Amino acid sequence: MTLHKNLVFGVIDILNNIFNNNFFADKAIEKGLKSNKKWGSKDRGFIAETCYEIVRWKRLYTEIANVKHPFDSKKFWKIFAVWAVLRGIALPEWKELENTPKRKIKGKFDELSKIRRFRESIPDWLDALGSNELGESIWEKELSELNKIAPLVIRSNTLKVTVHELQSILKDEGVESKKINGYPNALLIKKRCNLFQKESFKRGFFELQDASSQLVSHFLEVNPAMRVCDVCAGAGGKTLHISALMKNKGKIVAMDINKFKLNELRKRSNRNGAFNIQTKLILGPKSIKKMKGKFDRLLIDAPCSGLGVLKRNPDSKWKLNLEFISSIRKTQSELLKNYSTLLKKGGKLVYATCSILPSENEIQIKHFLDSKEGKEFNLEDEKKINPSNGFDGFYMARLASKQTC
């Protein structure tokens, strides 16, 4: 590989926005790529992949480079040099890379690779938390998997095409894919590309959605005659899947506290041809008062630490802290207690997170079932999906409302 200086400057500008200006990695990369329209697909791919790699291995690389936050241009060049040396990339004779200690970098890497918090590039507090909750052996296995690159998976929109038809359409557009056993609507994209530019996407034939995430809507066990509420709908990935499973019939109320996310859901609904979705902005407790006892199914896709999706959001581990996780556990508990009242007697709710921590998952469900509100429910089924299965880490529990008080 030959390095080009303008591309490396692009990488450093993006890293500065992520590490010093607190941008989310995907937004920083998107902004950076828009700054130079002359970059071709290979150039853009190099920049995005390099940024994600350096973000993923930030602790290891900064330790090897012997630099600490905040990072100036000189420190970023040292971090970049570590990345390049460890990948066997020849360093150009640029002044920014002069006197790079290649042998020392490799030796330091070998030394630090014996220590898990450096080898897996994880904050001390998060390493301790994962180990305490999951046990050493499981945490070690899952942590290693979470440092891999996430596969690119899409969900066929069965309101418009079957998965077989979509696979054929994508092939005509130059995109090779394969089906995934156990995931009826999923296709694994063999080679990464900009799917948003494909005509099939613009026509609403598919959505980007990880295979594990696709299981949540199936777990809800909906049918076309139902009234369904998606409590934390966000931009509506699972809402759209539920609509397809309901064959565009019945009614789905998609709620969220963020207006801009619901606006995005409406755009996606139109593209998908999903017309049984009604969006509702949550302004406070009064927003749901009139909805109590109205729904056959309830999805609480709760906000969480996101530890199950670190492979696609590697910057999260540098933004998380114990205070946030403690706060999000309280939010999860409140969601279960406050929104479970929207369910009809005999209805079912699914609580889901993209976390792998028991404190956010099965322990949260146990606490709810022991509460006043939870005594009206039985645990019907639960599913844990570990990142070591190859896709995102997820947890889901299905609770059935008792027929009588």
Protein backbone atom coordinates (compact mmCIF):
# COMPACT_ATOMS: atom_id res chain seq x y z
CA MET A 1 0.00 0.00 0.00
CA THR A 2 1.22 3.48 -0.91
CA LEU A 3 0.28 6.25 1.49
CA HIS A 4 -0.95 9.59 0.14
CA LYS A 5 -0.46 12.65 2.31
CA ASN A 6 -3.81 14.29 1.58
CA LEU A 7 -5.59 11.11 2.71
CA VAL A 8 -3.58 10.91 5.91
CA PHE A 9 -4.42 14.55 6.65
CA GLY A 10 -8.05 13.59 6.10
CA VAL A 11 -7.71 10.78 8.64
CA ILE A 12 -6.09 13.09 11.21
CA ASP A 13 -8.79 15.76 10.79
CA ILE A 14 -11.48 13.15 11.44
CA LEU A 15 -9.65 11.71 14.45
CA ASN A 16 -9.36 15.21 15.87
CA ASN A 17 -13.14 15.60 15.67
CA ILE A 18 -13.68 12.23 17.34
CA PHE A 19 -11.13 12.43 20.14
CA ASN A 20 -10.88 16.18 20.80
CA ASN A 21 -14.26 17.53 19.67
CA ASN A 22 -16.35 14.57 20.91
CA PHE A 23 -17.97 13.77 17.55
CA PHE A 24 -19.49 10.33 17.11
CA ALA A 25 -17.20 8.37 14.79
CA ASP A 26 -19.78 7.81 12.05
CA LYS A 27 -20.73 11.51 11.98
CA ALA A 28 -17.10 12.64 12.00
CA ILE A 29 -16.26 10.31 9.12
CA GLU A 30 -19.33 11.39 7.16
CA LYS A 31 -18.36 15.05 7.64
CA GLY A 32 -14.74 14.39 6.71
CA LEU A 33 -15.59 12.50 3.52
CA LYS A 34 -17.84 15.34 2.37
CA SER A 35 -14.96 17.79 2.68
CA ASN A 36 -13.24 16.56 -0.49
CA LYS A 37 -15.46 15.45 -3.35
CA LYS A 38 -12.41 14.49 -5.44
CA TRP A 39 -11.73 11.42 -3.30
CA GLY A 40 -12.71 8.24 -5.10
CA SER A 41 -14.28 5.15 -3.57
CA LYS A 42 -10.90 3.58 -2.71
CA ASP A 43 -9.72 6.79 -1.05
CA ARG A 44 -12.93 7.10 0.94
CA GLY A 45 -12.70 3.45 1.94
CA PHE A 46 -9.12 3.92 3.15
CA ILE A 47 -10.05 6.95 5.26
CA ALA A 48 -13.12 5.36 6.85
CA GLU A 49 -11.47 2.01 7.58
CA THR A 50 -8.30 3.62 8.96
CA CYS A 51 -10.27 5.93 11.26
CA TYR A 52 -12.37 3.08 12.61
CA GLU A 53 -9.26 0.95 13.18
CA ILE A 54 -7.47 3.69 15.10
CA VAL A 55 -10.60 4.41 17.16
CA ARG A 56 -11.01 0.70 17.92
CA TRP A 57 -7.40 0.29 19.09
CA LYS A 58 -6.99 3.76 20.60
CA ARG A 59 -5.69 2.64 24.00
CA LEU A 60 -3.16 0.22 22.54
CA TYR A 61 -1.88 2.66 19.92
CA THR A 62 -1.61 5.65 22.26
CA GLU A 63 0.26 3.53 24.81
CA ILE A 64 2.73 2.37 22.15
CA ALA A 65 3.09 5.93 20.82
CA ASN A 66 3.48 7.21 24.42
CA VAL A 67 0.99 10.05 23.92
CA LYS A 68 -1.88 11.22 26.08
CA HIS A 69 -5.08 13.21 25.54
CA PRO A 70 -5.57 15.93 24.39
CA PHE A 71 -3.99 15.09 21.04
CA ASP A 72 -2.35 17.70 18.83
CA SER A 73 -1.21 17.18 15.25
CA LYS A 74 2.20 15.83 16.28
CA LYS A 75 0.59 13.21 18.55
CA PHE A 76 -1.86 12.16 15.85
CA TRP A 77 1.02 11.57 13.46
CA LYS A 78 2.69 9.34 16.06
CA ILE A 79 -0.53 7.34 16.48
CA PHE A 80 -0.89 7.03 12.72
CA ALA A 81 2.73 5.83 12.46
CA VAL A 82 1.99 3.07 14.98
CA TRP A 83 -1.02 1.98 12.92
CA ALA A 84 1.05 1.88 9.71
CA VAL A 85 4.06 0.06 11.22
CA LEU A 86 1.89 -2.64 12.82
CA ARG A 87 0.27 -3.27 9.43
CA GLY A 88 3.58 -3.53 7.64
CA ILE A 89 2.97 -0.42 5.55
CA ALA A 90 6.10 1.28 4.22
CA LEU A 91 6.46 4.77 5.68
CA PRO A 92 7.13 7.54 3.14
CA GLU A 93 10.00 9.95 3.69
CA TRP A 94 7.79 12.69 5.11
CA LYS A 95 9.01 14.99 7.85
CA GLU A 96 5.98 14.05 10.00
CA LEU A 97 7.17 10.44 10.02
CA GLU A 98 10.88 11.07 10.49
CA ASN A 99 12.61 9.01 13.17
CA THR A 100 9.64 6.66 13.64
CA PRO A 101 11.03 3.89 15.92
CA LYS A 102 9.73 0.89 13.97
CA ARG A 103 11.55 -1.78 16.01
CA LYS A 104 10.51 -0.18 19.29
CA ILE A 105 6.87 -0.04 18.13
CA LYS A 106 6.84 -3.75 17.33
CA GLY A 107 8.55 -4.64 20.60
CA LYS A 108 6.12 -2.56 22.63
CA PHE A 109 3.21 -4.21 20.80
CA ASP A 110 4.49 -7.68 21.73
CA GLU A 111 4.87 -6.59 25.36
CA LEU A 112 1.41 -4.99 25.69
CA SER A 113 -0.34 -7.83 23.89
CA LYS A 114 0.16 -9.92 27.03
CA ILE A 115 -2.08 -7.54 29.03
CA ARG A 116 -5.81 -7.79 28.22
CA ARG A 117 -6.76 -4.15 28.75
CA PHE A 118 -4.15 -3.16 26.15
CA ARG A 119 -4.50 -6.20 23.90
CA GLU A 120 -8.24 -5.62 23.58
CA SER A 121 -7.92 -1.85 23.96
CA ILE A 122 -10.50 -1.31 26.69
CA PRO A 123 -10.78 1.16 29.61
CA ASP A 124 -9.90 -0.33 33.02
CA TRP A 125 -13.34 0.33 34.51
CA LEU A 126 -15.12 -1.33 31.58
CA ASP A 127 -12.80 -4.33 31.64
CA ALA A 128 -13.55 -4.79 35.37
CA LEU A 129 -17.31 -4.36 34.85
CA GLY A 130 -17.51 -6.92 32.04
CA SER A 131 -15.38 -9.40 33.93
CA ASN A 132 -17.45 -9.04 37.12
CA GLU A 133 -20.79 -9.45 35.36
CA LEU A 134 -19.93 -12.16 32.82
CA GLY A 135 -16.96 -13.94 34.37
CA GLU A 136 -13.39 -13.90 33.09
CA SER A 137 -13.64 -16.57 30.41
CA ILE A 138 -16.89 -15.35 28.80
CA TRP A 139 -15.83 -11.70 28.92
CA GLU A 140 -12.47 -12.54 27.34
CA LYS A 141 -14.18 -14.38 24.50
CA GLU A 142 -16.82 -11.71 23.83
CA LEU A 143 -14.39 -8.82 24.14
CA SER A 144 -12.15 -10.34 21.50
CA GLU A 145 -15.12 -10.74 19.16
CA LEU A 146 -16.26 -7.15 19.75
CA ASN A 147 -12.96 -5.89 18.34
CA LYS A 148 -13.66 -7.45 14.96
CA ILE A 149 -15.22 -5.58 12.06
CA ALA A 150 -19.00 -5.90 11.96
CA PRO A 151 -20.44 -7.78 8.98
CA LEU A 152 -22.67 -5.82 6.59
CA VAL A 153 -26.19 -7.25 6.79
CA ILE A 154 -29.43 -6.00 5.26
CA ARG A 155 -33.08 -6.91 5.77
CA SER A 156 -35.29 -7.42 2.74
CA ASN A 157 -38.48 -5.37 2.88
CA THR A 158 -41.06 -8.09 2.26
CA LEU A 159 -43.74 -5.46 1.65
CA LYS A 160 -42.05 -5.02 -1.74
CA VAL A 161 -39.74 -7.96 -2.47
CA THR A 162 -38.87 -11.43 -1.25
CA VAL A 163 -35.36 -12.16 -0.06
CA HIS A 164 -34.83 -14.24 -3.22
CA GLU A 165 -35.95 -11.39 -5.47
CA LEU A 166 -33.76 -8.91 -3.60
CA GLN A 167 -30.70 -11.10 -3.96
CA SER A 168 -31.22 -11.19 -7.72
CA ILE A 169 -31.80 -7.43 -7.94
CA LEU A 170 -28.64 -6.72 -5.95
CA LYS A 171 -26.63 -9.02 -8.20
CA ASP A 172 -27.76 -6.99 -11.23
CA GLU A 173 -26.50 -3.89 -9.37
CA GLY A 174 -23.09 -5.51 -8.85
CA VAL A 175 -23.65 -6.49 -5.20
CA GLU A 176 -23.01 -10.09 -4.21
CA SER A 177 -24.85 -11.41 -1.16
CA LYS A 178 -25.70 -14.65 0.59
CA LYS A 179 -28.55 -15.84 2.79
CA ILE A 180 -28.01 -16.52 6.48
CA ASN A 181 -29.43 -19.67 8.05
CA GLY A 182 -31.97 -18.89 10.76
CA TYR A 183 -32.55 -15.32 9.58
CA PRO A 184 -35.39 -15.44 7.02
CA ASN A 185 -35.20 -11.83 5.81
CA ALA A 186 -31.44 -11.26 6.05
CA LEU A 187 -28.71 -11.06 3.42
CA LEU A 188 -25.00 -10.84 4.18
CA ILE A 189 -23.22 -8.49 1.79
CA LYS A 190 -19.97 -10.11 0.68
CA LYS A 191 -18.04 -6.93 -0.20
CA ARG A 192 -18.60 -3.58 1.50
CA CYS A 193 -19.96 -0.82 -0.72
CA ASN A 194 -22.18 2.25 -0.52
CA LEU A 195 -25.58 0.58 -0.54
CA PHE A 196 -27.41 3.88 -0.05
CA GLN A 197 -26.60 4.83 -3.63
CA LYS A 198 -28.22 1.71 -5.07
CA GLU A 199 -31.56 2.08 -6.84
CA SER A 200 -32.89 -0.88 -4.87
CA PHE A 201 -32.37 1.04 -1.62
CA LYS A 202 -33.96 4.20 -2.99
CA ARG A 203 -37.00 2.13 -3.96
CA GLY A 204 -37.32 0.77 -0.42
CA PHE A 205 -36.42 -2.85 -1.16
CA PHE A 206 -34.17 -3.20 1.91
CA GLU A 207 -32.86 -1.61 5.09
CA LEU A 208 -29.48 -1.97 6.77
CA GLN A 209 -30.11 -4.01 9.92
CA ASP A 210 -27.89 -6.49 11.72
CA ALA A 211 -29.03 -10.10 11.78
CA SER A 212 -29.42 -10.16 15.58
CA SER A 213 -31.54 -7.02 15.53
CA GLN A 214 -33.86 -8.66 13.00
CA LEU A 215 -34.75 -11.38 15.51
CA VAL A 216 -36.38 -8.90 17.89
CA SER A 217 -39.44 -8.19 15.72
CA HIS A 218 -39.98 -11.92 15.10
CA PHE A 219 -39.74 -12.49 18.86
CA LEU A 220 -42.68 -10.10 19.35
CA GLU A 221 -45.02 -12.61 17.64
CA VAL A 222 -47.24 -10.13 15.82
CA ASN A 223 -50.06 -10.74 13.35
CA PRO A 224 -51.93 -8.42 10.94
CA ALA A 225 -54.94 -7.94 13.21
CA MET A 226 -53.02 -6.44 16.13
CA ARG A 227 -52.45 -3.03 17.66
CA VAL A 228 -48.73 -2.74 18.41
CA CYS A 229 -46.72 -0.08 20.22
CA ASP A 230 -42.99 0.47 19.73
CA VAL A 231 -42.11 2.49 22.82
CA CYS A 232 -38.54 3.58 21.94
CA ALA A 233 -38.88 3.54 18.16
CA GLY A 234 -36.06 5.95 17.31
CA ALA A 235 -35.66 6.13 13.53
CA GLY A 236 -37.70 2.96 13.25
CA GLY A 237 -35.56 0.04 12.09
CA LYS A 238 -37.56 -2.48 14.10
CA THR A 239 -40.83 -0.58 13.55
CA LEU A 240 -40.47 -1.04 9.80
CA HIS A 241 -39.75 -4.74 10.26
CA ILE A 242 -42.86 -5.13 12.43
CA SER A 243 -44.90 -3.42 9.70
CA ALA A 244 -43.64 -5.94 7.16
CA LEU A 245 -44.42 -8.87 9.47
CA MET A 246 -47.94 -7.46 9.90
CA LYS A 247 -48.27 -7.21 6.08
CA ASN A 248 -49.03 -3.48 6.36
CA LYS A 249 -52.22 -4.21 8.30
CA GLY A 250 -53.32 -3.56 11.87
CA LYS A 251 -51.83 -0.50 13.56
CA ILE A 252 -48.40 0.38 14.90
CA VAL A 253 -47.82 3.38 17.16
CA ALA A 254 -44.14 4.35 17.09
CA MET A 255 -43.15 6.59 20.01
CA ASP A 256 -39.98 8.43 20.92
CA ILE A 257 -38.83 11.49 22.86
CA ASN A 258 -36.81 12.78 19.87
CA LYS A 259 -38.79 14.55 17.15
CA PHE A 260 -35.99 14.36 14.57
CA LYS A 261 -35.87 10.56 14.88
CA LEU A 262 -39.61 10.28 14.28
CA ASN A 263 -39.25 12.58 11.25
CA GLU A 264 -36.65 10.17 9.88
CA LEU A 265 -39.00 7.25 10.58
CA ARG A 266 -41.73 8.91 8.53
CA LYS A 267 -39.33 9.31 5.58
CA ARG A 268 -38.28 5.68 5.85
CA SER A 269 -41.89 4.54 6.14
CA ASN A 270 -42.75 6.28 2.87
CA ARG A 271 -39.76 4.73 1.12
CA ASN A 272 -40.66 1.30 2.48
CA GLY A 273 -44.34 1.60 1.63
CA ALA A 274 -45.20 0.97 5.29
CA PHE A 275 -48.48 2.78 5.89
CA ASN A 276 -49.78 1.20 9.09
CA ILE A 277 -47.38 3.25 11.26
CA GLN A 278 -48.44 6.27 13.32
CA THR A 279 -45.70 8.29 15.03
CA LYS A 280 -46.19 9.88 18.44
CA LEU A 281 -43.83 12.27 20.22
CA ILE A 282 -43.57 11.62 23.97
CA LEU A 283 -43.76 14.93 25.84
CA GLY A 284 -44.29 13.49 29.32
CA PRO A 285 -46.47 11.09 31.36
CA LYS A 286 -49.66 12.65 29.99
CA SER A 287 -48.62 11.58 26.47
CA ILE A 288 -49.42 7.95 27.27
CA LYS A 289 -52.23 8.30 29.82
CA LYS A 290 -55.02 7.72 27.28
CA MET A 291 -53.20 4.73 25.74
CA LYS A 292 -53.28 2.43 28.78
CA GLY A 293 -54.62 -1.04 28.07
CA LYS A 294 -54.89 -0.40 24.31
CA PHE A 295 -52.23 -2.66 22.76
CA ASP A 296 -51.89 -6.35 21.94
CA ARG A 297 -48.11 -6.13 21.68
CA LEU A 298 -45.53 -3.80 23.16
CA LEU A 299 -41.88 -3.47 22.19
CA ILE A 300 -39.53 -1.81 24.66
CA ASP A 301 -36.26 -1.60 22.74
CA ALA A 302 -34.64 0.10 25.68
CA PRO A 303 -31.74 2.55 25.64
CA CYS A 304 -28.66 0.75 26.94
CA SER A 305 -24.87 0.73 27.16
CA GLY A 306 -24.64 -0.70 23.63
CA LEU A 307 -21.85 -3.09 24.64
CA GLY A 308 -23.22 -5.72 22.27
CA VAL A 309 -22.58 -3.51 19.24
CA LEU A 310 -19.07 -2.24 19.95
CA LYS A 311 -17.80 -3.82 16.75
CA ARG A 312 -19.86 -1.33 14.73
CA ASN A 313 -19.59 1.55 17.25
CA PRO A 314 -16.02 1.24 18.60
CA ASP A 315 -15.95 4.84 19.83
CA SER A 316 -18.68 4.01 22.37
CA LYS A 317 -16.18 2.42 24.75
CA TRP A 318 -14.36 5.76 25.02
CA LYS A 319 -17.58 7.72 25.59
CA LEU A 320 -19.23 5.41 28.14
CA ASN A 321 -18.76 5.74 31.90
CA LEU A 322 -20.11 4.10 35.05
CA GLU A 323 -22.37 7.05 35.82
CA PHE A 324 -24.09 6.71 32.44
CA ILE A 325 -24.58 2.95 32.85
CA SER A 326 -26.05 3.46 36.32
CA SER A 327 -28.39 6.11 34.92
CA ILE A 328 -29.45 3.98 31.96
CA ARG A 329 -30.35 1.07 34.26
CA LYS A 330 -32.78 3.40 36.08
CA THR A 331 -34.27 4.44 32.75
CA GLN A 332 -34.75 0.81 31.74
CA SER A 333 -36.53 0.06 35.01
CA GLU A 334 -38.81 3.08 34.61
CA LEU A 335 -39.68 2.15 31.03
CA LEU A 336 -40.77 -1.33 32.08
CA LYS A 337 -42.90 -0.07 34.97
CA ASN A 338 -44.48 2.92 33.21
CA TYR A 339 -45.10 1.55 29.72
CA SER A 340 -46.13 -2.00 30.58
CA THR A 341 -49.51 -0.47 31.53
CA LEU A 342 -50.20 0.18 27.83
CA LEU A 343 -50.70 -3.55 27.28
CA LYS A 344 -54.09 -5.25 27.19
CA LYS A 345 -54.76 -8.16 29.53
CA GLY A 346 -53.45 -11.21 27.75
CA GLY A 347 -51.10 -9.15 25.61
CA LYS A 348 -47.34 -9.58 25.35
CA LEU A 349 -44.37 -7.28 25.61
CA VAL A 350 -40.79 -7.74 24.51
CA TYR A 351 -37.99 -6.00 26.37
CA ALA A 352 -34.79 -5.84 24.31
CA THR A 353 -31.32 -4.31 24.55
CA CYS A 354 -28.13 -4.45 22.51
CA SER A 355 -26.14 -4.96 25.71
CA ILE A 356 -24.50 -8.15 26.98
CA LEU A 357 -24.51 -7.12 30.66
CA PRO A 358 -26.87 -9.15 32.89
CA SER A 359 -27.53 -6.00 34.96
CA GLU A 360 -29.25 -4.48 31.93
CA ASN A 361 -30.92 -7.69 30.85
CA GLU A 362 -32.06 -10.69 32.87
CA ILE A 363 -31.48 -8.94 36.21
CA GLN A 364 -33.56 -6.00 34.99
CA ILE A 365 -36.39 -8.39 34.07
CA LYS A 366 -36.18 -10.16 37.44
CA HIS A 367 -36.48 -6.84 39.28
CA PHE A 368 -39.49 -5.89 37.16
CA LEU A 369 -41.28 -9.20 37.77
CA ASP A 370 -40.75 -8.70 41.51
CA SER A 371 -42.28 -5.21 41.37
CA LYS A 372 -45.92 -4.24 41.83
CA GLU A 373 -46.37 -3.68 38.08
CA GLY A 374 -44.44 -6.81 37.15
CA LYS A 375 -46.61 -9.15 39.22
CA GLU A 376 -49.18 -8.89 36.41
CA PHE A 377 -46.76 -10.65 34.03
CA ASN A 378 -45.14 -14.02 33.45
CA LEU A 379 -41.79 -14.54 31.73
CA GLU A 380 -42.68 -16.53 28.63
CA ASP A 381 -39.29 -16.74 26.91
CA GLU A 382 -35.91 -15.04 26.71
CA LYS A 383 -33.02 -15.10 24.26
CA LYS A 384 -29.39 -14.09 24.66
CA ILE A 385 -27.28 -13.55 21.55
CA ASN A 386 -23.56 -13.23 22.17
CA PRO A 387 -21.25 -11.33 19.79
CA SER A 388 -19.20 -14.53 19.50
CA ASN A 389 -22.07 -15.89 17.40
CA GLY A 390 -20.80 -13.57 14.66
CA PHE A 391 -23.38 -10.79 14.79
CA ASP A 392 -24.35 -8.12 17.32
CA GLY A 393 -24.91 -8.97 20.97
CA PHE A 394 -28.58 -8.76 21.97
CA TYR A 395 -30.93 -9.70 24.76
CA MET A 396 -34.70 -10.08 24.52
CA ALA A 397 -37.34 -11.22 26.97
CA ARG A 398 -41.02 -11.84 26.14
CA LEU A 399 -43.46 -11.26 28.98
CA ALA A 400 -47.11 -12.28 28.86
CA SER A 401 -49.71 -10.20 30.67
CA LYS A 402 -51.95 -12.29 32.92
CA GLN A 403 -55.56 -12.55 31.77
CA THR A 404 -57.01 -11.54 35.16
CA CYS A 405 -55.80 -9.42 38.05
